All heavy atoms as atom14 arrays in JSON, in Angstrom:
{
  "sequence": "RQHREDRLVATAKTTPADRRQKALIVETEAAAKKEAELIEKRKKAAAE",
  "atom14_mask": [
    [1, 1, 1, 1, 1, 1, 1, 1, 1, 1, 1, 0, 0, 0],
    [1, 1, 1, 1, 1, 1, 1, 1, 1, 0, 0, 0, 0, 0],
    [1, 1, 1, 1, 1, 1, 1, 1, 1, 1, 0, 0, 0, 0],
    [1, 1, 1, 1, 1, 1, 1, 1, 1, 1, 1, 0, 0, 0],
    [1, 1, 1, 1, 1, 1, 1, 1, 1, 0, 0, 0, 0, 0],
    [1, 1, 1, 1, 1, 1, 1, 1, 0, 0, 0, 0, 0, 0],
    [1, 1, 1, 1, 1, 1, 1, 1, 1, 1, 1, 0, 0, 0],
    [1, 1, 1, 1, 1, 1, 1, 1, 0, 0, 0, 0, 0, 0],
    [1, 1, 1, 1, 1, 1, 1, 0, 0, 0, 0, 0, 0, 0],
    [1, 1, 1, 1, 1, 0, 0, 0, 0, 0, 0, 0, 0, 0],
    [1, 1, 1, 1, 1, 1, 1, 0, 0, 0, 0, 0, 0, 0],
    [1, 1, 1, 1, 1, 0, 0, 0, 0, 0, 0, 0, 0, 0],
    [1, 1, 1, 1, 1, 1, 1, 1, 1, 0, 0, 0, 0, 0],
    [1, 1, 1, 1, 1, 1, 1, 0, 0, 0, 0, 0, 0, 0],
    [1, 1, 1, 1, 1, 1, 1, 0, 0, 0, 0, 0, 0, 0],
    [1, 1, 1, 1, 1, 1, 1, 0, 0, 0, 0, 0, 0, 0],
    [1, 1, 1, 1, 1, 0, 0, 0, 0, 0, 0, 0, 0, 0],
    [1, 1, 1, 1, 1, 1, 1, 1, 0, 0, 0, 0, 0, 0],
    [1, 1, 1, 1, 1, 1, 1, 1, 1, 1, 1, 0, 0, 0],
    [1, 1, 1, 1, 1, 1, 1, 1, 1, 1, 1, 0, 0, 0],
    [1, 1, 1, 1, 1, 1, 1, 1, 1, 0, 0, 0, 0, 0],
    [1, 1, 1, 1, 1, 1, 1, 1, 1, 0, 0, 0, 0, 0],
    [1, 1, 1, 1, 1, 0, 0, 0, 0, 0, 0, 0, 0, 0],
    [1, 1, 1, 1, 1, 1, 1, 1, 0, 0, 0, 0, 0, 0],
    [1, 1, 1, 1, 1, 1, 1, 1, 0, 0, 0, 0, 0, 0],
    [1, 1, 1, 1, 1, 1, 1, 0, 0, 0, 0, 0, 0, 0],
    [1, 1, 1, 1, 1, 1, 1, 1, 1, 0, 0, 0, 0, 0],
    [1, 1, 1, 1, 1, 1, 1, 0, 0, 0, 0, 0, 0, 0],
    [1, 1, 1, 1, 1, 1, 1, 1, 1, 0, 0, 0, 0, 0],
    [1, 1, 1, 1, 1, 0, 0, 0, 0, 0, 0, 0, 0, 0],
    [1, 1, 1, 1, 1, 0, 0, 0, 0, 0, 0, 0, 0, 0],
    [1, 1, 1, 1, 1, 0, 0, 0, 0, 0, 0, 0, 0, 0],
    [1, 1, 1, 1, 1, 1, 1, 1, 1, 0, 0, 0, 0, 0],
    [1, 1, 1, 1, 1, 1, 1, 1, 1, 0, 0, 0, 0, 0],
    [1, 1, 1, 1, 1, 1, 1, 1, 1, 0, 0, 0, 0, 0],
    [1, 1, 1, 1, 1, 0, 0, 0, 0, 0, 0, 0, 0, 0],
    [1, 1, 1, 1, 1, 1, 1, 1, 1, 0, 0, 0, 0, 0],
    [1, 1, 1, 1, 1, 1, 1, 1, 0, 0, 0, 0, 0, 0],
    [1, 1, 1, 1, 1, 1, 1, 1, 0, 0, 0, 0, 0, 0],
    [1, 1, 1, 1, 1, 1, 1, 1, 1, 0, 0, 0, 0, 0],
    [1, 1, 1, 1, 1, 1, 1, 1, 1, 0, 0, 0, 0, 0],
    [1, 1, 1, 1, 1, 1, 1, 1, 1, 1, 1, 0, 0, 0],
    [1, 1, 1, 1, 1, 1, 1, 1, 1, 0, 0, 0, 0, 0],
    [1, 1, 1, 1, 1, 1, 1, 1, 1, 0, 0, 0, 0, 0],
    [1, 1, 1, 1, 1, 0, 0, 0, 0, 0, 0, 0, 0, 0],
    [1, 1, 1, 1, 1, 0, 0, 0, 0, 0, 0, 0, 0, 0],
    [1, 1, 1, 1, 1, 0, 0, 0, 0, 0, 0, 0, 0, 0],
    [1, 1, 1, 1, 1, 1, 1, 1, 1, 0, 0, 0, 0, 0]
  ],
  "atom14_positions": [
    [[95.12, 135.93, 99.19], [93.91, 135.13, 99.44], [94.1, 133.69, 98.96], [93.69, 132.75, 99.63], [92.71, 135.75, 98.74], [92.17, 136.94, 99.44], [90.94, 137.46, 98.74], [90.47, 138.66, 99.4], [89.57, 139.46, 98.9], [89.02, 139.21, 97.73], [89.19, 140.54, 99.56], [0.0, 0.0, 0.0], [0.0, 0.0, 0.0], [0.0, 0.0, 0.0]],
    [[94.69, 133.52, 97.79], [94.9, 132.18, 97.25], [95.82, 131.38, 98.16], [95.57, 130.2, 98.43], [95.47, 132.25, 95.84], [95.59, 130.91, 95.16], [94.24, 130.24, 94.97], [93.26, 130.9, 94.61], [94.18, 128.96, 95.21], [0.0, 0.0, 0.0], [0.0, 0.0, 0.0], [0.0, 0.0, 0.0], [0.0, 0.0, 0.0], [0.0, 0.0, 0.0]],
    [[96.88, 132.01, 98.63], [97.82, 131.35, 99.55], [97.1, 130.93, 100.83], [97.26, 129.79, 101.29], [98.99, 132.28, 99.86], [99.92, 131.76, 100.9], [100.77, 130.69, 100.66], [100.13, 132.13, 102.18], [101.45, 130.44, 101.76], [101.09, 131.3, 102.7], [0.0, 0.0, 0.0], [0.0, 0.0, 0.0], [0.0, 0.0, 0.0], [0.0, 0.0, 0.0]],
    [[96.29, 131.82, 101.41], [95.57, 131.51, 102.64], [94.54, 130.4, 102.4], [94.38, 129.5, 103.22], [94.86, 132.76, 103.18], [95.78, 133.84, 103.66], [96.54, 133.42, 104.86], [95.64, 133.12, 105.96], [95.99, 133.0, 107.21], [97.23, 133.21, 107.55], [95.12, 132.69, 108.13], [0.0, 0.0, 0.0], [0.0, 0.0, 0.0], [0.0, 0.0, 0.0]],
    [[93.86, 130.45, 101.27], [92.86, 129.44, 100.95], [93.51, 128.06, 100.78], [92.99, 127.06, 101.26], [92.11, 129.82, 99.68], [90.97, 128.87, 99.35], [90.2, 129.33, 98.13], [89.91, 130.54, 98.03], [89.89, 128.46, 97.29], [0.0, 0.0, 0.0], [0.0, 0.0, 0.0], [0.0, 0.0, 0.0], [0.0, 0.0, 0.0], [0.0, 0.0, 0.0]],
    [[94.66, 128.02, 100.11], [95.38, 126.76, 99.94], [95.78, 126.18, 101.29], [95.66, 124.97, 101.52], [96.63, 126.96, 99.07], [96.28, 127.28, 97.63], [95.13, 127.06, 97.23], [97.18, 127.78, 96.92], [0.0, 0.0, 0.0], [0.0, 0.0, 0.0], [0.0, 0.0, 0.0], [0.0, 0.0, 0.0], [0.0, 0.0, 0.0], [0.0, 0.0, 0.0]],
    [[96.24, 127.04, 102.2], [96.61, 126.57, 103.54], [95.4, 126.06, 104.3], [95.5, 125.05, 105.0], [97.28, 127.7, 104.32], [98.72, 127.91, 103.92], [99.42, 128.99, 104.69], [99.22, 128.9, 106.12], [99.44, 129.9, 106.97], [99.84, 131.06, 106.51], [99.24, 129.74, 108.26], [0.0, 0.0, 0.0], [0.0, 0.0, 0.0], [0.0, 0.0, 0.0]],
    [[94.26, 126.76, 104.19], [93.06, 126.32, 104.89], [92.57, 124.99, 104.36], [92.17, 124.11, 105.14], [91.94, 127.37, 104.75], [92.0, 128.54, 105.7], [90.9, 129.54, 105.37], [91.86, 128.08, 107.13], [0.0, 0.0, 0.0], [0.0, 0.0, 0.0], [0.0, 0.0, 0.0], [0.0, 0.0, 0.0], [0.0, 0.0, 0.0], [0.0, 0.0, 0.0]],
    [[92.58, 124.82, 103.06], [92.11, 123.56, 102.45], [93.03, 122.41, 102.86], [92.58, 121.31, 103.15], [92.03, 123.7, 100.92], [91.82, 122.36, 100.26], [90.91, 124.66, 100.55], [0.0, 0.0, 0.0], [0.0, 0.0, 0.0], [0.0, 0.0, 0.0], [0.0, 0.0, 0.0], [0.0, 0.0, 0.0], [0.0, 0.0, 0.0], [0.0, 0.0, 0.0]],
    [[94.34, 122.68, 102.92], [95.3, 121.64, 103.28], [95.12, 121.19, 104.73], [95.33, 120.02, 105.05], [96.72, 122.13, 103.06], [0.0, 0.0, 0.0], [0.0, 0.0, 0.0], [0.0, 0.0, 0.0], [0.0, 0.0, 0.0], [0.0, 0.0, 0.0], [0.0, 0.0, 0.0], [0.0, 0.0, 0.0], [0.0, 0.0, 0.0], [0.0, 0.0, 0.0]],
    [[94.73, 122.11, 105.6], [94.6, 121.77, 107.02], [93.16, 121.53, 107.45], [92.91, 121.3, 108.63], [95.18, 122.9, 107.9], [94.46, 124.1, 107.66], [96.66, 123.1, 107.62], [0.0, 0.0, 0.0], [0.0, 0.0, 0.0], [0.0, 0.0, 0.0], [0.0, 0.0, 0.0], [0.0, 0.0, 0.0], [0.0, 0.0, 0.0], [0.0, 0.0, 0.0]],
    [[92.21, 121.58, 106.52], [90.8, 121.42, 106.87], [90.53, 120.01, 107.38], [91.09, 119.02, 106.9], [89.92, 121.7, 105.65], [0.0, 0.0, 0.0], [0.0, 0.0, 0.0], [0.0, 0.0, 0.0], [0.0, 0.0, 0.0], [0.0, 0.0, 0.0], [0.0, 0.0, 0.0], [0.0, 0.0, 0.0], [0.0, 0.0, 0.0], [0.0, 0.0, 0.0]],
    [[89.65, 119.95, 108.37], [89.25, 118.66, 108.92], [88.28, 118.01, 107.94], [87.51, 118.68, 107.27], [88.55, 118.85, 110.26], [89.42, 119.46, 111.31], [88.6, 119.69, 112.56], [89.37, 120.52, 113.56], [88.53, 120.95, 114.67], [0.0, 0.0, 0.0], [0.0, 0.0, 0.0], [0.0, 0.0, 0.0], [0.0, 0.0, 0.0], [0.0, 0.0, 0.0]],
    [[88.3, 116.68, 107.91], [87.34, 115.99, 107.07], [86.05, 115.82, 107.85], [86.06, 115.46, 109.03], [87.86, 114.62, 106.62], [88.2, 113.85, 107.77], [89.07, 114.76, 105.73], [0.0, 0.0, 0.0], [0.0, 0.0, 0.0], [0.0, 0.0, 0.0], [0.0, 0.0, 0.0], [0.0, 0.0, 0.0], [0.0, 0.0, 0.0], [0.0, 0.0, 0.0]],
    [[84.95, 116.06, 107.2], [83.65, 115.93, 107.84], [83.18, 114.48, 107.72], [83.71, 113.71, 106.9], [82.62, 116.86, 107.17], [82.48, 116.44, 105.8], [83.07, 118.31, 107.22], [0.0, 0.0, 0.0], [0.0, 0.0, 0.0], [0.0, 0.0, 0.0], [0.0, 0.0, 0.0], [0.0, 0.0, 0.0], [0.0, 0.0, 0.0], [0.0, 0.0, 0.0]],
    [[82.2, 114.08, 108.52], [81.68, 112.71, 108.39], [81.18, 112.4, 106.98], [81.37, 111.29, 106.48], [80.53, 112.68, 109.4], [80.92, 113.68, 110.43], [81.63, 114.77, 109.67], [0.0, 0.0, 0.0], [0.0, 0.0, 0.0], [0.0, 0.0, 0.0], [0.0, 0.0, 0.0], [0.0, 0.0, 0.0], [0.0, 0.0, 0.0], [0.0, 0.0, 0.0]],
    [[80.58, 113.38, 106.33], [80.11, 113.16, 104.95], [81.28, 112.9, 104.02], [81.22, 112.03, 103.14], [79.31, 114.36, 104.47], [0.0, 0.0, 0.0], [0.0, 0.0, 0.0], [0.0, 0.0, 0.0], [0.0, 0.0, 0.0], [0.0, 0.0, 0.0], [0.0, 0.0, 0.0], [0.0, 0.0, 0.0], [0.0, 0.0, 0.0], [0.0, 0.0, 0.0]],
    [[82.39, 113.64, 104.19], [83.59, 113.42, 103.37], [84.15, 112.02, 103.61], [84.56, 111.34, 102.67], [84.66, 114.46, 103.68], [84.28, 115.86, 103.26], [83.41, 115.98, 102.37], [84.85, 116.82, 103.81], [0.0, 0.0, 0.0], [0.0, 0.0, 0.0], [0.0, 0.0, 0.0], [0.0, 0.0, 0.0], [0.0, 0.0, 0.0], [0.0, 0.0, 0.0]],
    [[84.19, 111.62, 104.88], [84.72, 110.28, 105.2], [83.84, 109.19, 104.6], [84.34, 108.2, 104.07], [84.84, 110.11, 106.72], [85.96, 110.95, 107.32], [86.25, 110.55, 108.74], [85.16, 110.84, 109.65], [84.99, 111.96, 110.34], [85.88, 112.94, 110.2], [83.97, 112.13, 111.14], [0.0, 0.0, 0.0], [0.0, 0.0, 0.0], [0.0, 0.0, 0.0]],
    [[82.51, 109.37, 104.66], [81.6, 108.38, 104.06], [81.82, 108.31, 102.55], [81.87, 107.22, 101.97], [80.15, 108.74, 104.36], [79.68, 108.32, 105.72], [78.17, 108.41, 105.82], [77.67, 109.76, 105.65], [77.53, 110.67, 106.61], [77.88, 110.37, 107.84], [77.07, 111.85, 106.34], [0.0, 0.0, 0.0], [0.0, 0.0, 0.0], [0.0, 0.0, 0.0]],
    [[81.94, 109.46, 101.91], [82.15, 109.5, 100.46], [83.45, 108.8, 100.09], [83.5, 108.03, 99.14], [82.16, 110.96, 99.99], [82.27, 111.12, 98.5], [81.03, 110.65, 97.77], [79.95, 110.61, 98.33], [81.2, 110.28, 96.52], [0.0, 0.0, 0.0], [0.0, 0.0, 0.0], [0.0, 0.0, 0.0], [0.0, 0.0, 0.0], [0.0, 0.0, 0.0]],
    [[84.51, 109.09, 100.85], [85.8, 108.47, 100.57], [85.73, 106.96, 100.77], [86.25, 106.18, 99.96], [86.87, 109.08, 101.49], [88.26, 108.73, 101.12], [89.25, 109.5, 101.98], [90.67, 109.23, 101.55], [91.63, 109.99, 102.35], [0.0, 0.0, 0.0], [0.0, 0.0, 0.0], [0.0, 0.0, 0.0], [0.0, 0.0, 0.0], [0.0, 0.0, 0.0]],
    [[85.06, 106.52, 101.85], [84.91, 105.08, 102.11], [84.1, 104.41, 101.0], [84.41, 103.29, 100.58], [84.24, 104.85, 103.46], [0.0, 0.0, 0.0], [0.0, 0.0, 0.0], [0.0, 0.0, 0.0], [0.0, 0.0, 0.0], [0.0, 0.0, 0.0], [0.0, 0.0, 0.0], [0.0, 0.0, 0.0], [0.0, 0.0, 0.0], [0.0, 0.0, 0.0]],
    [[83.08, 105.09, 100.51], [82.27, 104.55, 99.43], [83.1, 104.38, 98.16], [82.99, 103.36, 97.47], [81.07, 105.47, 99.17], [80.09, 105.02, 98.11], [79.44, 103.71, 98.51], [79.03, 106.08, 97.88], [0.0, 0.0, 0.0], [0.0, 0.0, 0.0], [0.0, 0.0, 0.0], [0.0, 0.0, 0.0], [0.0, 0.0, 0.0], [0.0, 0.0, 0.0]],
    [[83.93, 105.36, 97.85], [84.79, 105.27, 96.67], [85.77, 104.1, 96.81], [85.95, 103.32, 95.87], [85.53, 106.61, 96.45], [84.54, 107.68, 96.01], [86.65, 106.46, 95.43], [85.12, 109.08, 95.99], [0.0, 0.0, 0.0], [0.0, 0.0, 0.0], [0.0, 0.0, 0.0], [0.0, 0.0, 0.0], [0.0, 0.0, 0.0], [0.0, 0.0, 0.0]],
    [[86.4, 103.98, 97.98], [87.35, 102.89, 98.21], [86.64, 101.55, 98.1], [87.16, 100.6, 97.48], [88.02, 103.06, 99.6], [88.79, 101.81, 99.98], [88.94, 104.27, 99.59], [0.0, 0.0, 0.0], [0.0, 0.0, 0.0], [0.0, 0.0, 0.0], [0.0, 0.0, 0.0], [0.0, 0.0, 0.0], [0.0, 0.0, 0.0], [0.0, 0.0, 0.0]],
    [[85.44, 101.45, 98.68], [84.68, 100.2, 98.62], [84.29, 99.85, 97.19], [84.38, 98.68, 96.78], [83.43, 100.35, 99.49], [82.64, 99.07, 99.64], [81.46, 99.27, 100.57], [81.64, 99.83, 101.66], [80.34, 98.86, 100.17], [0.0, 0.0, 0.0], [0.0, 0.0, 0.0], [0.0, 0.0, 0.0], [0.0, 0.0, 0.0], [0.0, 0.0, 0.0]],
    [[83.89, 100.84, 96.41], [83.52, 100.62, 95.02], [84.72, 100.14, 94.21], [84.59, 99.21, 93.4], [82.94, 101.91, 94.41], [81.86, 102.36, 95.21], [82.48, 101.69, 92.99], [0.0, 0.0, 0.0], [0.0, 0.0, 0.0], [0.0, 0.0, 0.0], [0.0, 0.0, 0.0], [0.0, 0.0, 0.0], [0.0, 0.0, 0.0], [0.0, 0.0, 0.0]],
    [[85.87, 100.77, 94.43], [87.08, 100.35, 93.73], [87.48, 98.93, 94.11], [87.87, 98.14, 93.25], [88.22, 101.32, 94.02], [88.05, 102.68, 93.38], [89.1, 103.68, 93.82], [89.91, 103.36, 94.73], [89.11, 104.8, 93.27], [0.0, 0.0, 0.0], [0.0, 0.0, 0.0], [0.0, 0.0, 0.0], [0.0, 0.0, 0.0], [0.0, 0.0, 0.0]],
    [[87.36, 98.58, 95.39], [87.71, 97.23, 95.84], [86.76, 96.21, 95.22], [87.19, 95.13, 94.79], [87.67, 97.15, 97.36], [0.0, 0.0, 0.0], [0.0, 0.0, 0.0], [0.0, 0.0, 0.0], [0.0, 0.0, 0.0], [0.0, 0.0, 0.0], [0.0, 0.0, 0.0], [0.0, 0.0, 0.0], [0.0, 0.0, 0.0], [0.0, 0.0, 0.0]],
    [[85.47, 96.54, 95.16], [84.49, 95.63, 94.56], [84.77, 95.44, 93.07], [84.68, 94.32, 92.55], [83.08, 96.16, 94.77], [0.0, 0.0, 0.0], [0.0, 0.0, 0.0], [0.0, 0.0, 0.0], [0.0, 0.0, 0.0], [0.0, 0.0, 0.0], [0.0, 0.0, 0.0], [0.0, 0.0, 0.0], [0.0, 0.0, 0.0], [0.0, 0.0, 0.0]],
    [[85.12, 96.51, 92.37], [85.43, 96.41, 90.94], [86.68, 95.56, 90.72], [86.73, 94.73, 89.8], [85.62, 97.8, 90.35], [0.0, 0.0, 0.0], [0.0, 0.0, 0.0], [0.0, 0.0, 0.0], [0.0, 0.0, 0.0], [0.0, 0.0, 0.0], [0.0, 0.0, 0.0], [0.0, 0.0, 0.0], [0.0, 0.0, 0.0], [0.0, 0.0, 0.0]],
    [[87.68, 95.73, 91.58], [88.91, 94.94, 91.47], [88.62, 93.47, 91.72], [89.1, 92.59, 90.98], [89.94, 95.46, 92.47], [91.29, 94.79, 92.37], [92.26, 95.39, 93.36], [93.61, 94.71, 93.29], [94.55, 95.25, 94.28], [0.0, 0.0, 0.0], [0.0, 0.0, 0.0], [0.0, 0.0, 0.0], [0.0, 0.0, 0.0], [0.0, 0.0, 0.0]],
    [[87.81, 93.18, 92.74], [87.46, 91.8, 93.06], [86.66, 91.17, 91.92], [86.89, 90.01, 91.56], [86.65, 91.76, 94.35], [86.48, 90.4, 94.93], [85.85, 90.48, 96.31], [85.78, 89.11, 96.94], [85.19, 89.17, 98.28], [0.0, 0.0, 0.0], [0.0, 0.0, 0.0], [0.0, 0.0, 0.0], [0.0, 0.0, 0.0], [0.0, 0.0, 0.0]],
    [[85.76, 91.95, 91.33], [84.96, 91.45, 90.2], [85.86, 91.15, 89.01], [85.7, 90.13, 88.33], [83.9, 92.49, 89.84], [82.96, 92.05, 88.73], [82.04, 90.93, 89.15], [81.75, 90.8, 90.34], [81.62, 90.16, 88.25], [0.0, 0.0, 0.0], [0.0, 0.0, 0.0], [0.0, 0.0, 0.0], [0.0, 0.0, 0.0], [0.0, 0.0, 0.0]],
    [[86.84, 92.02, 88.73], [87.76, 91.79, 87.62], [88.6, 90.53, 87.86], [88.82, 89.74, 86.93], [88.67, 93.02, 87.44], [0.0, 0.0, 0.0], [0.0, 0.0, 0.0], [0.0, 0.0, 0.0], [0.0, 0.0, 0.0], [0.0, 0.0, 0.0], [0.0, 0.0, 0.0], [0.0, 0.0, 0.0], [0.0, 0.0, 0.0], [0.0, 0.0, 0.0]],
    [[89.05, 90.33, 89.1], [89.81, 89.12, 89.42], [88.95, 87.87, 89.24], [89.43, 86.85, 88.72], [90.32, 89.2, 90.86], [91.44, 90.2, 91.07], [91.82, 90.34, 92.54], [91.19, 89.67, 93.4], [92.76, 91.11, 92.82], [0.0, 0.0, 0.0], [0.0, 0.0, 0.0], [0.0, 0.0, 0.0], [0.0, 0.0, 0.0], [0.0, 0.0, 0.0]],
    [[87.69, 87.95, 89.65], [86.78, 86.81, 89.51], [86.54, 86.49, 88.03], [86.57, 85.32, 87.63], [85.45, 87.11, 90.21], [84.41, 86.0, 90.22], [84.96, 84.79, 90.97], [83.14, 86.49, 90.86], [0.0, 0.0, 0.0], [0.0, 0.0, 0.0], [0.0, 0.0, 0.0], [0.0, 0.0, 0.0], [0.0, 0.0, 0.0], [0.0, 0.0, 0.0]],
    [[86.34, 87.53, 87.22], [86.16, 87.31, 85.78], [87.41, 86.68, 85.18], [87.32, 85.76, 84.37], [85.8, 88.65, 85.09], [84.39, 89.07, 85.49], [85.93, 88.55, 83.58], [84.01, 90.47, 85.04], [0.0, 0.0, 0.0], [0.0, 0.0, 0.0], [0.0, 0.0, 0.0], [0.0, 0.0, 0.0], [0.0, 0.0, 0.0], [0.0, 0.0, 0.0]],
    [[88.59, 87.16, 85.59], [89.86, 86.61, 85.09], [90.0, 85.14, 85.48], [90.41, 84.31, 84.67], [91.02, 87.44, 85.64], [92.35, 87.12, 85.0], [92.4, 87.42, 83.52], [91.78, 88.4, 83.08], [93.06, 86.66, 82.79], [0.0, 0.0, 0.0], [0.0, 0.0, 0.0], [0.0, 0.0, 0.0], [0.0, 0.0, 0.0], [0.0, 0.0, 0.0]],
    [[89.64, 84.81, 86.73], [89.71, 83.41, 87.17], [88.77, 82.54, 86.37], [89.11, 81.42, 85.99], [89.36, 83.3, 88.66], [90.46, 83.73, 89.58], [90.02, 83.53, 91.03], [91.08, 84.02, 92.0], [90.64, 83.86, 93.4], [0.0, 0.0, 0.0], [0.0, 0.0, 0.0], [0.0, 0.0, 0.0], [0.0, 0.0, 0.0], [0.0, 0.0, 0.0]],
    [[87.56, 83.04, 86.1], [86.58, 82.27, 85.32], [87.09, 82.05, 83.9], [86.95, 80.95, 83.35], [85.24, 82.99, 85.28], [84.5, 82.91, 86.59], [83.18, 83.63, 86.52], [82.48, 83.57, 87.79], [81.43, 84.31, 88.09], [80.97, 85.18, 87.21], [80.86, 84.2, 89.26], [0.0, 0.0, 0.0], [0.0, 0.0, 0.0], [0.0, 0.0, 0.0]],
    [[87.67, 83.08, 83.29], [88.22, 82.93, 81.94], [89.34, 81.9, 81.93], [89.43, 81.06, 81.04], [88.76, 84.28, 81.43], [87.69, 85.24, 81.0], [88.32, 86.52, 80.47], [87.28, 87.52, 80.04], [87.9, 88.77, 79.58], [0.0, 0.0, 0.0], [0.0, 0.0, 0.0], [0.0, 0.0, 0.0], [0.0, 0.0, 0.0], [0.0, 0.0, 0.0]],
    [[90.22, 81.98, 82.94], [91.34, 81.04, 83.03], [90.83, 79.61, 83.21], [91.32, 78.67, 82.56], [92.25, 81.44, 84.19], [93.56, 80.7, 84.23], [94.44, 81.26, 85.34], [95.77, 80.55, 85.38], [96.63, 81.07, 86.45], [0.0, 0.0, 0.0], [0.0, 0.0, 0.0], [0.0, 0.0, 0.0], [0.0, 0.0, 0.0], [0.0, 0.0, 0.0]],
    [[89.84, 79.44, 84.1], [89.28, 78.11, 84.32], [88.61, 77.57, 83.06], [88.75, 76.38, 82.72], [88.28, 78.15, 85.48], [0.0, 0.0, 0.0], [0.0, 0.0, 0.0], [0.0, 0.0, 0.0], [0.0, 0.0, 0.0], [0.0, 0.0, 0.0], [0.0, 0.0, 0.0], [0.0, 0.0, 0.0], [0.0, 0.0, 0.0], [0.0, 0.0, 0.0]],
    [[87.88, 78.45, 82.34], [87.23, 78.02, 81.1], [88.28, 77.64, 80.06], [88.11, 76.64, 79.33], [86.33, 79.14, 80.58], [0.0, 0.0, 0.0], [0.0, 0.0, 0.0], [0.0, 0.0, 0.0], [0.0, 0.0, 0.0], [0.0, 0.0, 0.0], [0.0, 0.0, 0.0], [0.0, 0.0, 0.0], [0.0, 0.0, 0.0], [0.0, 0.0, 0.0]],
    [[89.38, 78.39, 79.98], [90.44, 78.07, 79.02], [91.11, 76.75, 79.38], [91.39, 75.92, 78.5], [91.47, 79.2, 78.99], [0.0, 0.0, 0.0], [0.0, 0.0, 0.0], [0.0, 0.0, 0.0], [0.0, 0.0, 0.0], [0.0, 0.0, 0.0], [0.0, 0.0, 0.0], [0.0, 0.0, 0.0], [0.0, 0.0, 0.0], [0.0, 0.0, 0.0]],
    [[91.36, 76.53, 80.69], [91.96, 75.26, 81.12], [91.03, 74.09, 80.83], [91.48, 73.02, 80.39], [92.3, 75.31, 82.62], [93.47, 76.21, 82.95], [93.69, 76.32, 84.45], [92.93, 75.71, 85.23], [94.63, 77.05, 84.84], [0.0, 0.0, 0.0], [0.0, 0.0, 0.0], [0.0, 0.0, 0.0], [0.0, 0.0, 0.0], [0.0, 0.0, 0.0]]
  ]
}
């Protein structure tokens, strides 16, 4: 059963809800990265 379940999970199609969730996570990570870069630029500009 475990072997069959692993195979099913590996080949399972992604649902629209899964794709939205994944896109939201990627978007959140990109926004956090952009915010960190902006803070770094502001610190650098303030130091200069």
